[in-house]
Each structure stands twice: as structure tokens, then as C-alpha cells.
């Protein structure tokens, strides 16, 4: 037992040192003043497609912002910038997400990088292949560039990880960004990414959006590909997780969702449902909302029912 403890501490030290070294080796361009980061995803992709913005310049701007976010919140795990520069050079210039940097929750599989989900025993066991969502993003022209912190085993609404430290809320370091996608929400809320892909089972993104003041929605099972991603509970299908976007604006949320569905995700993961994107105009319709106050077994907390 004592030996396992020392192995755990050494694994944590090694992984943190690896992260520091990858940041230290970045070219000087990534440490110069920030360029503009305010373009919505649709406009950024359009500018890249028309050659007004180079994909490498877009990536450089977001890496700079991500490094600032990490310095303040400790939100990053894997810094994939060297590889991302190569991906930017050959990104799909005609894709719906051409030249758009995208951050990924630590559990998403990227060839050559760990998906430790906070477990020291899993470091050094990098993925041999890219996950389905990574392949889809690359085919759409996006540039994955960092992976973000998670609590140990993903199983927490709070945030603590021996492996990568404690990620703080960018609005107030005394507060948590939530879990388990806390690194992602902290990065996006700070401005270090405009779009992140994360997982959700019981609120791992929706709670985070509430904590950090950003936008997210949980996809129905079968809408986003999840094959090839890591998990702390493999084989658990009773309450399956889903991948979904987390964004800085509502406009970006819709833009990204539309782009992914129009890429036909069922061609990347057989478990995805073949349901196309459908435009719906609700401007002149009277909407009806259904609410479950309880399911006959579990009852809402008083504060939640009062809010509803």
C-alpha cells in the first residue's frame, strides 16, 4: 500500500512536469500579446475559408488565450499545440468549422495523448487511435488544440485532482467551476476557447454552464459520436454519457451543433442515430412546456422546485 502511494505521487509529479515542459517549449509567438478573439464561430470559419484569416493565426490567438486561462485557473491537462500547428496547416478549408480551434475534455481520445481522467495509474497509456468525435472535428476543418482538467474518475460536481491540481472558477478563484467538465468551463468562461466538447451523464456540462456563465446543452444519446473516448466506468450502459458542446455564446452553440450533425456523425460511430439537422421556426408559435415535479420516486429539493 505504501509503495502504491509513492508510485501515485511520482506519477503526479511526472505528468505535471510534462505539462510544464510542453508549455515552456512553445515558440515565442504564443507568448506575445493577444490578437482579436471576438469573432463568432460562423464568422471565424468564413474568414478562414475566404483566406482573410490564416488557420495558424486563429490557432495562435487561442493558444495565447488558453495559456492565460491556465495560468489563472489551472484548467489544462494535455497541451497539444505542436501537433495542432500541423493540423492547422492541412485543415479542411471548405469545412463548416474551417480553422476553428476546439478544446476537448480530458476523456476524449486523441492519438498519442493520455486520457487519464485524473487517475495516476492511467498516465503513459496514450491512445493508439483518434476518437470518432476527433475525426469528425478534423474532417469539419476544426483544430483540436488542448485537453482540459477533470476531477478524479469524473465523479464529482466539485473539483480536485492530484494529477493536475485544482481548477478554479475564472470569475472568483474561491469558487469551483463545477465538475466533471470544470477545466472546459473554466477555459471557455475565461476566453481561452470558444467551443469545447465535453461529456455529460448527470449534469457534467449543464451544472458547469450555470457555475461559469456560459452555454451548454446535453445531447440526446446517439446524436454525438463517443466511440474511442475514455471513461472511468467502461461498460456502463444503464445511464450512458453523451458528448455535447459547451460554448461562450448561444449563437456558437447552434452553429457548432448544426455543423456536427451535418457532418453525418453516424458515419463515424455506428451508435449514432441517422437524424438530420432540421431548422425549426418558433417565432410565431405558442409554445407549451412540460414539467415533471417528481417521478413518483425522487422528489426535487425545495430550492429547485421553488425555482421551477
C-alpha atoms as a PDB file:
ATOM      1  CA  UNK A   1       0.000   0.000   0.000  1.00  0.00           C
ATOM      2  CA  UNK A   2       2.835   2.400   0.902  1.00  0.00           C
ATOM      3  CA  UNK A   3       4.571   1.626  -2.393  1.00  0.00           C
ATOM      4  CA  UNK A   4       1.371   2.400  -4.307  1.00  0.00           C
ATOM      5  CA  UNK A   5       1.191   5.796  -2.595  1.00  0.00           C
ATOM      6  CA  UNK A   6       4.735   6.719  -3.635  1.00  0.00           C
ATOM      7  CA  UNK A   7       4.064   5.482  -7.181  1.00  0.00           C
ATOM      8  CA  UNK A   8       0.972   7.695  -7.267  1.00  0.00           C
ATOM      9  CA  UNK A   9       2.888  10.776  -6.092  1.00  0.00           C
ATOM     10  CA  UNK A  10       5.678  10.144  -8.593  1.00  0.00           C
ATOM     11  CA  UNK A  11       3.165   9.694 -11.412  1.00  0.00           C
ATOM     12  CA  UNK A  12       1.569  13.031 -10.498  1.00  0.00           C
ATOM     13  CA  UNK A  13       4.967  14.764 -10.459  1.00  0.00           C
ATOM     14  CA  UNK A  14       5.966  13.305 -13.829  1.00  0.00           C
ATOM     15  CA  UNK A  15       2.720  14.320 -15.522  1.00  0.00           C
ATOM     16  CA  UNK A  16       2.810  17.873 -14.152  1.00  0.00           C
ATOM     17  CA  UNK A  17       6.428  18.237 -15.268  1.00  0.00           C
ATOM     18  CA  UNK A  18       5.470  17.017 -18.743  1.00  0.00           C
ATOM     19  CA  UNK A  19       2.777  19.718 -18.938  1.00  0.00           C
ATOM     20  CA  UNK A  20       5.211  22.461 -17.815  1.00  0.00           C
ATOM     21  CA  UNK A  21       7.789  21.388 -20.380  1.00  0.00           C
ATOM     22  CA  UNK A  22       5.326  21.383 -23.273  1.00  0.00           C
ATOM     23  CA  UNK A  23       4.256  24.944 -22.405  1.00  0.00           C
ATOM     24  CA  UNK A  24       7.861  26.107 -21.954  1.00  0.00           C
ATOM     25  CA  UNK A  25       8.835  24.760 -25.402  1.00  0.00           C
ATOM     26  CA  UNK A  26       6.179  26.784 -27.249  1.00  0.00           C
ATOM     27  CA  UNK A  27       7.517  29.315 -29.805  1.00  0.00           C
ATOM     28  CA  UNK A  28       7.711  32.968 -28.742  1.00  0.00           C
ATOM     29  CA  UNK A  29       4.658  33.794 -30.887  1.00  0.00           C
ATOM     30  CA  UNK A  30       2.461  32.129 -28.287  1.00  0.00           C
ATOM     31  CA  UNK A  31       3.725  34.416 -25.535  1.00  0.00           C
ATOM     32  CA  UNK A  32       3.283  37.698 -27.438  1.00  0.00           C
ATOM     33  CA  UNK A  33       0.237  39.991 -26.912  1.00  0.00           C
ATOM     34  CA  UNK A  34      -3.177  38.573 -27.787  1.00  0.00           C
ATOM     35  CA  UNK A  35      -4.868  39.116 -31.129  1.00  0.00           C
ATOM     36  CA  UNK A  36      -8.629  39.565 -31.550  1.00  0.00           C
ATOM     37  CA  UNK A  37     -10.735  36.656 -30.278  1.00  0.00           C
ATOM     38  CA  UNK A  38     -14.226  38.077 -30.562  1.00  0.00           C
ATOM     39  CA  UNK A  39     -15.394  36.596 -33.874  1.00  0.00           C
ATOM     40  CA  UNK A  40     -18.342  34.194 -33.589  1.00  0.00           C
ATOM     41  CA  UNK A  41     -17.567  30.683 -34.810  1.00  0.00           C
ATOM     42  CA  UNK A  42     -19.511  31.141 -38.048  1.00  0.00           C
ATOM     43  CA  UNK A  43     -17.615  34.347 -38.915  1.00  0.00           C
ATOM     44  CA  UNK A  44     -14.236  32.898 -37.969  1.00  0.00           C
ATOM     45  CA  UNK A  45     -14.783  29.860 -40.201  1.00  0.00           C
ATOM     46  CA  UNK A  46     -15.995  32.087 -43.050  1.00  0.00           C
ATOM     47  CA  UNK A  47     -12.901  34.304 -42.762  1.00  0.00           C
ATOM     48  CA  UNK A  48     -10.632  31.255 -42.835  1.00  0.00           C
ATOM     49  CA  UNK A  49     -12.437  29.811 -45.871  1.00  0.00           C
ATOM     50  CA  UNK A  50     -12.044  33.111 -47.747  1.00  0.00           C
ATOM     51  CA  UNK A  51      -8.378  33.475 -46.801  1.00  0.00           C
ATOM     52  CA  UNK A  52      -8.829  36.618 -44.718  1.00  0.00           C
ATOM     53  CA  UNK A  53      -7.552  34.809 -41.611  1.00  0.00           C
ATOM     54  CA  UNK A  54      -4.965  32.033 -41.690  1.00  0.00           C
ATOM     55  CA  UNK A  55      -5.815  28.910 -39.709  1.00  0.00           C
ATOM     56  CA  UNK A  56      -2.422  29.102 -37.970  1.00  0.00           C
ATOM     57  CA  UNK A  57      -3.164  32.677 -36.880  1.00  0.00           C
ATOM     58  CA  UNK A  58      -6.526  31.616 -35.480  1.00  0.00           C
ATOM     59  CA  UNK A  59      -4.858  28.797 -33.567  1.00  0.00           C
ATOM     60  CA  UNK A  60      -2.080  31.042 -32.241  1.00  0.00           C
ATOM     61  CA  UNK A  61      -4.594  33.536 -30.866  1.00  0.00           C
ATOM     62  CA  UNK A  62      -6.481  30.881 -28.945  1.00  0.00           C
ATOM     63  CA  UNK A  63      -3.359  29.187 -27.629  1.00  0.00           C
ATOM     64  CA  UNK A  64      -2.270  32.531 -26.170  1.00  0.00           C
ATOM     65  CA  UNK A  65      -5.651  32.952 -24.513  1.00  0.00           C
ATOM     66  CA  UNK A  66      -5.638  29.356 -23.266  1.00  0.00           C
ATOM     67  CA  UNK A  67      -2.234  29.827 -21.640  1.00  0.00           C
ATOM     68  CA  UNK A  68      -3.515  32.888 -19.794  1.00  0.00           C
ATOM     69  CA  UNK A  69      -6.598  30.957 -18.701  1.00  0.00           C
ATOM     70  CA  UNK A  70      -4.443  28.079 -17.488  1.00  0.00           C
ATOM     71  CA  UNK A  71      -2.181  30.422 -15.523  1.00  0.00           C
ATOM     72  CA  UNK A  72      -5.207  31.793 -13.672  1.00  0.00           C
ATOM     73  CA  UNK A  73      -7.353  28.653 -13.284  1.00  0.00           C
ATOM     74  CA  UNK A  74      -5.154  25.539 -13.828  1.00  0.00           C
ATOM     75  CA  UNK A  75      -7.577  24.270 -16.475  1.00  0.00           C
ATOM     76  CA  UNK A  76      -5.385  22.326 -18.944  1.00  0.00           C
ATOM     77  CA  UNK A  77      -4.137  18.740 -18.956  1.00  0.00           C
ATOM     78  CA  UNK A  78      -2.684  17.959 -22.388  1.00  0.00           C
ATOM     79  CA  UNK A  79      -1.181  20.855 -24.377  1.00  0.00           C
ATOM     80  CA  UNK A  80      -1.314  19.655 -27.993  1.00  0.00           C
ATOM     81  CA  UNK A  81      -0.071  22.847 -29.635  1.00  0.00           C
ATOM     82  CA  UNK A  82       2.823  21.395 -31.633  1.00  0.00           C
ATOM     83  CA  UNK A  83       0.538  18.803 -33.154  1.00  0.00           C
ATOM     84  CA  UNK A  84      -2.246  21.366 -33.614  1.00  0.00           C
ATOM     85  CA  UNK A  85       0.060  23.559 -35.709  1.00  0.00           C
ATOM     86  CA  UNK A  86       0.447  20.648 -38.121  1.00  0.00           C
ATOM     87  CA  UNK A  87      -3.298  20.005 -38.066  1.00  0.00           C
ATOM     88  CA  UNK A  88      -3.895  23.702 -38.834  1.00  0.00           C
ATOM     89  CA  UNK A  89      -1.707  23.525 -41.934  1.00  0.00           C
ATOM     90  CA  UNK A  90      -3.817  20.796 -43.522  1.00  0.00           C
ATOM     91  CA  UNK A  91      -7.266  21.528 -42.070  1.00  0.00           C
ATOM     92  CA  UNK A  92     -10.281  21.209 -44.358  1.00  0.00           C
ATOM     93  CA  UNK A  93     -10.559  24.764 -45.686  1.00  0.00           C
ATOM     94  CA  UNK A  94     -14.034  24.062 -47.051  1.00  0.00           C
ATOM     95  CA  UNK A  95     -15.389  22.569 -43.823  1.00  0.00           C
ATOM     96  CA  UNK A  96     -18.117  24.174 -41.704  1.00  0.00           C
ATOM     97  CA  UNK A  97     -15.588  24.655 -38.871  1.00  0.00           C
ATOM     98  CA  UNK A  98     -12.607  25.636 -41.025  1.00  0.00           C
ATOM     99  CA  UNK A  99      -9.766  26.901 -38.836  1.00  0.00           C
ATOM    100  CA  UNK A 100     -11.818  26.946 -35.634  1.00  0.00           C
ATOM    101  CA  UNK A 101      -9.792  25.879 -32.551  1.00  0.00           C
ATOM    102  CA  UNK A 102     -11.726  23.448 -30.338  1.00  0.00           C
ATOM    103  CA  UNK A 103     -10.841  22.335 -26.808  1.00  0.00           C
ATOM    104  CA  UNK A 104     -11.568  18.810 -25.590  1.00  0.00           C
ATOM    105  CA  UNK A 105     -12.409  17.367 -22.204  1.00  0.00           C
ATOM    106  CA  UNK A 106      -9.577  15.123 -20.980  1.00  0.00           C
ATOM    107  CA  UNK A 107     -11.528  11.898 -21.569  1.00  0.00           C
ATOM    108  CA  UNK A 108     -11.776  12.386 -25.351  1.00  0.00           C
ATOM    109  CA  UNK A 109      -9.338  10.131 -27.170  1.00  0.00           C
ATOM    110  CA  UNK A 110      -6.512  11.745 -29.161  1.00  0.00           C
ATOM    111  CA  UNK A 111      -3.815   9.559 -30.696  1.00  0.00           C
ATOM    112  CA  UNK A 112      -0.524   9.911 -28.821  1.00  0.00           C
ATOM    113  CA  UNK A 113      -2.030  11.568 -25.736  1.00  0.00           C
ATOM    114  CA  UNK A 114      -3.280  10.257 -22.406  1.00  0.00           C
ATOM    115  CA  UNK A 115      -6.891  10.306 -21.274  1.00  0.00           C
ATOM    116  CA  UNK A 116      -6.169   9.714 -17.616  1.00  0.00           C
ATOM    117  CA  UNK A 117      -9.466  11.157 -16.238  1.00  0.00           C
ATOM    118  CA  UNK A 118      -7.452  12.070 -13.142  1.00  0.00           C
ATOM    119  CA  UNK A 119      -6.085   8.572 -12.464  1.00  0.00           C
ATOM    120  CA  UNK A 120      -2.318   8.396 -11.992  1.00  0.00           C
ATOM    121  CA  UNK A 121      -2.386   4.695 -12.915  1.00  0.00           C
ATOM    122  CA  UNK A 122      -3.502   5.621 -16.433  1.00  0.00           C
ATOM    123  CA  UNK A 123      -0.719   8.020 -17.388  1.00  0.00           C
ATOM    124  CA  UNK A 124       1.689   6.892 -20.070  1.00  0.00           C
ATOM    125  CA  UNK A 125      -1.066   4.831 -21.703  1.00  0.00           C
ATOM    126  CA  UNK A 126      -1.752   7.107 -24.633  1.00  0.00           C
ATOM    127  CA  UNK A 127      -4.453   6.364 -27.173  1.00  0.00           C
ATOM    128  CA  UNK A 128      -3.414   4.433 -30.276  1.00  0.00           C
ATOM    129  CA  UNK A 129      -6.160   5.929 -32.443  1.00  0.00           C
ATOM    130  CA  UNK A 130      -8.173   9.128 -32.584  1.00  0.00           C
ATOM    131  CA  UNK A 131     -11.710   9.013 -31.189  1.00  0.00           C
ATOM    132  CA  UNK A 132     -14.701   9.289 -33.505  1.00  0.00           C
ATOM    133  CA  UNK A 133     -15.514  12.857 -32.445  1.00  0.00           C
ATOM    134  CA  UNK A 134     -11.897  13.910 -33.033  1.00  0.00           C
ATOM    135  CA  UNK A 135     -12.013  12.517 -36.581  1.00  0.00           C
ATOM    136  CA  UNK A 136     -15.310  14.274 -37.264  1.00  0.00           C
ATOM    137  CA  UNK A 137     -13.961  17.592 -35.992  1.00  0.00           C
ATOM    138  CA  UNK A 138     -10.852  17.334 -38.151  1.00  0.00           C
ATOM    139  CA  UNK A 139     -12.916  16.464 -41.230  1.00  0.00           C
ATOM    140  CA  UNK A 140     -15.079  19.532 -40.489  1.00  0.00           C
ATOM    141  CA  UNK A 141     -11.943  21.718 -40.510  1.00  0.00           C
ATOM    142  CA  UNK A 142     -11.685  22.262 -36.751  1.00  0.00           C
ATOM    143  CA  UNK A 143      -8.352  22.292 -34.901  1.00  0.00           C
ATOM    144  CA  UNK A 144      -8.319  20.497 -31.512  1.00  0.00           C
ATOM    145  CA  UNK A 145      -5.558  22.153 -29.504  1.00  0.00           C
ATOM    146  CA  UNK A 146      -5.805  21.394 -25.754  1.00  0.00           C
ATOM    147  CA  UNK A 147      -7.431  18.921 -23.382  1.00  0.00           C
ATOM    148  CA  UNK A 148      -8.946  20.117 -20.129  1.00  0.00           C
ATOM    149  CA  UNK A 149      -8.929  19.110 -16.492  1.00  0.00           C
ATOM    150  CA  UNK A 150     -11.401  16.794 -14.753  1.00  0.00           C
ATOM    151  CA  UNK A 151     -11.833  15.589 -11.149  1.00  0.00           C
ATOM    152  CA  UNK A 152     -10.576  12.111 -10.263  1.00  0.00           C
ATOM    153  CA  UNK A 153     -12.679   9.469 -12.079  1.00  0.00           C
ATOM    154  CA  UNK A 154     -15.029  12.244 -13.342  1.00  0.00           C
ATOM    155  CA  UNK A 155     -17.376  11.553 -10.430  1.00  0.00           C
ATOM    156  CA  UNK A 156     -17.768  14.948  -8.771  1.00  0.00           C
ATOM    157  CA  UNK A 157     -19.563  18.267  -9.086  1.00  0.00           C
ATOM    158  CA  UNK A 158     -16.621  19.836  -7.260  1.00  0.00           C
ATOM    159  CA  UNK A 159     -13.056  19.866  -8.488  1.00  0.00           C
ATOM    160  CA  UNK A 160      -9.944  18.194  -7.132  1.00  0.00           C
ATOM    161  CA  UNK A 161      -7.241  16.225  -8.910  1.00  0.00           C
ATOM    162  CA  UNK A 162      -3.887  15.146  -7.509  1.00  0.00           C
ATOM    163  CA  UNK A 163      -2.713  14.638 -11.067  1.00  0.00           C
ATOM    164  CA  UNK A 164      -3.289  18.150 -12.400  1.00  0.00           C
ATOM    165  CA  UNK A 165      -4.341  20.195  -9.398  1.00  0.00           C
ATOM    166  CA  UNK A 166      -7.468  22.152  -8.517  1.00  0.00           C
ATOM    167  CA  UNK A 167      -9.162  24.138 -11.268  1.00  0.00           C
ATOM    168  CA  UNK A 168     -10.778  27.366 -10.062  1.00  0.00           C
ATOM    169  CA  UNK A 169     -13.702  29.412 -11.324  1.00  0.00           C
ATOM    170  CA  UNK A 170     -12.401  32.230 -13.574  1.00  0.00           C
ATOM    171  CA  UNK A 171     -14.922  34.666 -12.086  1.00  0.00           C
ATOM    172  CA  UNK A 172     -13.794  34.039  -8.494  1.00  0.00           C
ATOM    173  CA  UNK A 173     -10.913  31.724  -7.512  1.00  0.00           C
ATOM    174  CA  UNK A 174     -12.611  30.982  -4.195  1.00  0.00           C
ATOM    175  CA  UNK A 175     -15.341  29.127  -6.073  1.00  0.00           C
ATOM    176  CA  UNK A 176     -15.367  25.929  -8.109  1.00  0.00           C
ATOM    177  CA  UNK A 177     -16.154  25.748 -11.834  1.00  0.00           C
ATOM    178  CA  UNK A 178     -18.001  22.512 -11.028  1.00  0.00           C
ATOM    179  CA  UNK A 179     -17.437  19.015 -12.333  1.00  0.00           C
ATOM    180  CA  UNK A 180     -16.781  16.967 -14.106  1.00  0.00           C
ATOM    181  CA  UNK A 181     -16.104  19.231 -17.099  1.00  0.00           C
ATOM    182  CA  UNK A 182     -14.682  22.007 -14.915  1.00  0.00           C
ATOM    183  CA  UNK A 183     -11.488  22.534 -16.878  1.00  0.00           C
ATOM    184  CA  UNK A 184     -13.548  23.036 -20.022  1.00  0.00           C
ATOM    185  CA  UNK A 185     -15.971  25.520 -18.481  1.00  0.00           C
ATOM    186  CA  UNK A 186     -13.141  27.490 -16.832  1.00  0.00           C
ATOM    187  CA  UNK A 187     -11.226  27.710 -20.117  1.00  0.00           C
ATOM    188  CA  UNK A 188     -14.253  28.868 -22.112  1.00  0.00           C
ATOM    189  CA  UNK A 189     -15.521  31.301 -19.476  1.00  0.00           C
ATOM    190  CA  UNK A 190     -12.067  32.886 -19.255  1.00  0.00           C
ATOM    191  CA  UNK A 191     -11.910  33.267 -23.051  1.00  0.00           C
ATOM    192  CA  UNK A 192      -9.277  30.627 -23.796  1.00  0.00           C
ATOM    193  CA  UNK A 193     -11.575  28.693 -26.120  1.00  0.00           C
ATOM    194  CA  UNK A 194     -14.797  29.431 -27.906  1.00  0.00           C
ATOM    195  CA  UNK A 195     -16.012  25.838 -28.263  1.00  0.00           C
ATOM    196  CA  UNK A 196     -15.352  22.794 -26.109  1.00  0.00           C
ATOM    197  CA  UNK A 197     -16.527  19.215 -26.413  1.00  0.00           C
ATOM    198  CA  UNK A 198     -17.295  17.504 -23.125  1.00  0.00           C
ATOM    199  CA  UNK A 199     -19.359  14.645 -21.734  1.00  0.00           C
ATOM    200  CA  UNK A 200     -22.499  14.656 -19.620  1.00  0.00           C
ATOM    201  CA  UNK A 201     -24.324  11.975 -17.653  1.00  0.00           C
ATOM    202  CA  UNK A 202     -25.864  13.698 -14.654  1.00  0.00           C
ATOM    203  CA  UNK A 203     -25.089  17.355 -15.215  1.00  0.00           C
ATOM    204  CA  UNK A 204     -21.357  17.398 -16.010  1.00  0.00           C
ATOM    205  CA  UNK A 205     -21.911  20.199 -18.512  1.00  0.00           C
ATOM    206  CA  UNK A 206     -25.209  21.791 -17.558  1.00  0.00           C
ATOM    207  CA  UNK A 207     -24.105  22.400 -13.961  1.00  0.00           C
ATOM    208  CA  UNK A 208     -20.841  23.847 -15.275  1.00  0.00           C
ATOM    209  CA  UNK A 209     -22.590  26.276 -17.602  1.00  0.00           C
ATOM    210  CA  UNK A 210     -24.603  27.514 -14.623  1.00  0.00           C
ATOM    211  CA  UNK A 211     -21.487  27.903 -12.458  1.00  0.00           C
ATOM    212  CA  UNK A 212     -19.436  29.684 -15.128  1.00  0.00           C
ATOM    213  CA  UNK A 213     -21.961  31.750 -17.080  1.00  0.00           C
ATOM    214  CA  UNK A 214     -21.578  30.028 -20.455  1.00  0.00           C
ATOM    215  CA  UNK A 215     -23.836  27.937 -22.711  1.00  0.00           C
ATOM    216  CA  UNK A 216     -24.320  24.193 -22.949  1.00  0.00           C
ATOM    217  CA  UNK A 217     -26.969  21.588 -23.579  1.00  0.00           C
ATOM    218  CA  UNK A 218     -26.942  17.838 -23.120  1.00  0.00           C
ATOM    219  CA  UNK A 219     -27.386  15.975 -26.385  1.00  0.00           C
ATOM    220  CA  UNK A 220     -29.762  13.057 -26.546  1.00  0.00           C
ATOM    221  CA  UNK A 221     -27.997   9.702 -26.641  1.00  0.00           C
ATOM    222  CA  UNK A 222     -26.983   8.891 -30.202  1.00  0.00           C
ATOM    223  CA  UNK A 223     -26.541  12.437 -31.504  1.00  0.00           C
ATOM    224  CA  UNK A 224     -22.792  12.950 -30.982  1.00  0.00           C
ATOM    225  CA  UNK A 225     -20.205  10.203 -31.608  1.00  0.00           C
ATOM    226  CA  UNK A 226     -18.480   8.903 -28.475  1.00  0.00           C
ATOM    227  CA  UNK A 227     -16.602   5.837 -29.744  1.00  0.00           C
ATOM    228  CA  UNK A 228     -12.936   5.877 -28.797  1.00  0.00           C
ATOM    229  CA  UNK A 229     -13.286   8.131 -25.759  1.00  0.00           C
ATOM    230  CA  UNK A 230     -12.050   7.237 -22.298  1.00  0.00           C
ATOM    231  CA  UNK A 231     -14.287   6.696 -19.292  1.00  0.00           C
ATOM    232  CA  UNK A 232     -13.947   5.836 -15.621  1.00  0.00           C
ATOM    233  CA  UNK A 233     -16.677   3.176 -15.822  1.00  0.00           C
ATOM    234  CA  UNK A 234     -16.292   1.208 -19.074  1.00  0.00           C
ATOM    235  CA  UNK A 235     -19.262  -0.952 -19.964  1.00  0.00           C
ATOM    236  CA  UNK A 236     -21.757   1.137 -18.010  1.00  0.00           C
ATOM    237  CA  UNK A 237     -24.704   1.474 -20.380  1.00  0.00           C
ATOM    238  CA  UNK A 238     -27.591   1.853 -17.914  1.00  0.00           C
ATOM    239  CA  UNK A 239     -27.203   5.631 -17.875  1.00  0.00           C
ATOM    240  CA  UNK A 240     -24.968   6.340 -20.890  1.00  0.00           C
ATOM    241  CA  UNK A 241     -22.908   9.505 -21.188  1.00  0.00           C
ATOM    242  CA  UNK A 242     -23.160  11.757 -24.207  1.00  0.00           C
ATOM    243  CA  UNK A 243     -20.746  14.174 -25.844  1.00  0.00           C
ATOM    244  CA  UNK A 244     -22.099  17.672 -26.372  1.00  0.00           C
ATOM    245  CA  UNK A 245     -20.778  21.198 -26.958  1.00  0.00           C
ATOM    246  CA  UNK A 246     -20.064  23.939 -24.475  1.00  0.00           C
ATOM    247  CA  UNK A 247     -19.711  27.460 -25.888  1.00  0.00           C
ATOM    248  CA  UNK A 248     -19.309  31.095 -24.965  1.00  0.00           C
ATOM    249  CA  UNK A 249     -22.478  32.234 -26.773  1.00  0.00           C
ATOM    250  CA  UNK A 250     -25.858  30.800 -27.735  1.00  0.00           C
ATOM    251  CA  UNK A 251     -25.126  31.560 -31.393  1.00  0.00           C
ATOM    252  CA  UNK A 252     -21.947  29.473 -31.274  1.00  0.00           C
ATOM    253  CA  UNK A 253     -23.826  26.614 -29.618  1.00  0.00           C
ATOM    254  CA  UNK A 254     -26.251  26.396 -32.526  1.00  0.00           C
ATOM    255  CA  UNK A 255     -23.519  26.877 -35.146  1.00  0.00           C
ATOM    256  CA  UNK A 256     -21.408  24.072 -33.739  1.00  0.00           C
ATOM    257  CA  UNK A 257     -24.327  21.694 -33.222  1.00  0.00           C
ATOM    258  CA  UNK A 258     -25.517  22.228 -36.797  1.00  0.00           C
ATOM    259  CA  UNK A 259     -22.008  21.667 -38.160  1.00  0.00           C
ATOM    260  CA  UNK A 260     -21.564  18.370 -36.307  1.00  0.00           C
ATOM    261  CA  UNK A 261     -24.946  16.952 -37.325  1.00  0.00           C
ATOM    262  CA  UNK A 262     -24.437  17.972 -40.960  1.00  0.00           C
ATOM    263  CA  UNK A 263     -21.161  16.006 -40.898  1.00  0.00           C
ATOM    264  CA  UNK A 264     -23.364  12.878 -40.509  1.00  0.00           C
ATOM    265  CA  UNK A 265     -21.938  11.541 -37.230  1.00  0.00           C
ATOM    266  CA  UNK A 266     -23.471   8.090 -37.836  1.00  0.00           C
ATOM    267  CA  UNK A 267     -20.706   7.583 -40.403  1.00  0.00           C
ATOM    268  CA  UNK A 268     -18.137   7.933 -37.596  1.00  0.00           C
ATOM    269  CA  UNK A 269     -19.889   5.958 -34.852  1.00  0.00           C
ATOM    270  CA  UNK A 270     -22.445   3.224 -35.540  1.00  0.00           C
ATOM    271  CA  UNK A 271     -24.262   4.065 -32.294  1.00  0.00           C
ATOM    272  CA  UNK A 272     -25.268   7.500 -33.617  1.00  0.00           C
ATOM    273  CA  UNK A 273     -28.795   7.886 -34.928  1.00  0.00           C
ATOM    274  CA  UNK A 274     -29.288   8.882 -38.547  1.00  0.00           C
ATOM    275  CA  UNK A 275     -31.287  12.024 -37.816  1.00  0.00           C
ATOM    276  CA  UNK A 276     -30.511  15.082 -39.984  1.00  0.00           C
ATOM    277  CA  UNK A 277     -30.384  18.686 -38.836  1.00  0.00           C
ATOM    278  CA  UNK A 278     -33.818  20.287 -39.010  1.00  0.00           C
ATOM    279  CA  UNK A 279     -34.431  24.029 -38.988  1.00  0.00           C
ATOM    280  CA  UNK A 280     -37.391  24.963 -36.777  1.00  0.00           C
ATOM    281  CA  UNK A 281     -39.030  28.394 -36.704  1.00  0.00           C
ATOM    282  CA  UNK A 282     -40.758  29.008 -33.379  1.00  0.00           C
ATOM    283  CA  UNK A 283     -41.169  32.763 -33.725  1.00  0.00           C
ATOM    284  CA  UNK A 284     -44.926  32.764 -34.295  1.00  0.00           C
ATOM    285  CA  UNK A 285     -45.917  29.612 -32.448  1.00  0.00           C
ATOM    286  CA  UNK A 286     -47.410  29.305 -28.999  1.00  0.00           C
ATOM    287  CA  UNK A 287     -45.095  27.051 -27.031  1.00  0.00           C
ATOM    288  CA  UNK A 288     -46.091  24.531 -24.400  1.00  0.00           C
ATOM    289  CA  UNK A 289     -43.735  23.402 -21.647  1.00  0.00           C
ATOM    290  CA  UNK A 290     -43.970  20.136 -19.763  1.00  0.00           C
ATOM    291  CA  UNK A 291     -42.604  19.837 -16.229  1.00  0.00           C
ATOM    292  CA  UNK A 292     -42.112  16.725 -14.082  1.00  0.00           C
ATOM    293  CA  UNK A 293     -42.318  17.777 -10.432  1.00  0.00           C
ATOM    294  CA  UNK A 294     -41.278  14.249  -9.424  1.00  0.00           C
ATOM    295  CA  UNK A 295     -41.186  10.781 -10.937  1.00  0.00           C
ATOM    296  CA  UNK A 296     -43.004   9.062  -8.107  1.00  0.00           C
ATOM    297  CA  UNK A 297     -39.727   8.071  -6.512  1.00  0.00           C
ATOM    298  CA  UNK A 298     -37.384  11.066  -6.304  1.00  0.00           C
ATOM    299  CA  UNK A 299     -38.555  14.497  -5.180  1.00  0.00           C
ATOM    300  CA  UNK A 300     -36.923  17.813  -6.060  1.00  0.00           C
ATOM    301  CA  UNK A 301     -35.070  19.799  -3.431  1.00  0.00           C
ATOM    302  CA  UNK A 302     -37.193  22.677  -2.164  1.00  0.00           C
ATOM    303  CA  UNK A 303     -34.847  25.259  -3.701  1.00  0.00           C
ATOM    304  CA  UNK A 304     -35.112  23.586  -7.115  1.00  0.00           C
ATOM    305  CA  UNK A 305     -38.901  23.285  -7.044  1.00  0.00           C
ATOM    306  CA  UNK A 306     -39.154  26.919  -5.934  1.00  0.00           C
ATOM    307  CA  UNK A 307     -37.006  27.979  -8.896  1.00  0.00           C
ATOM    308  CA  UNK A 308     -39.151  25.981 -11.331  1.00  0.00           C
END
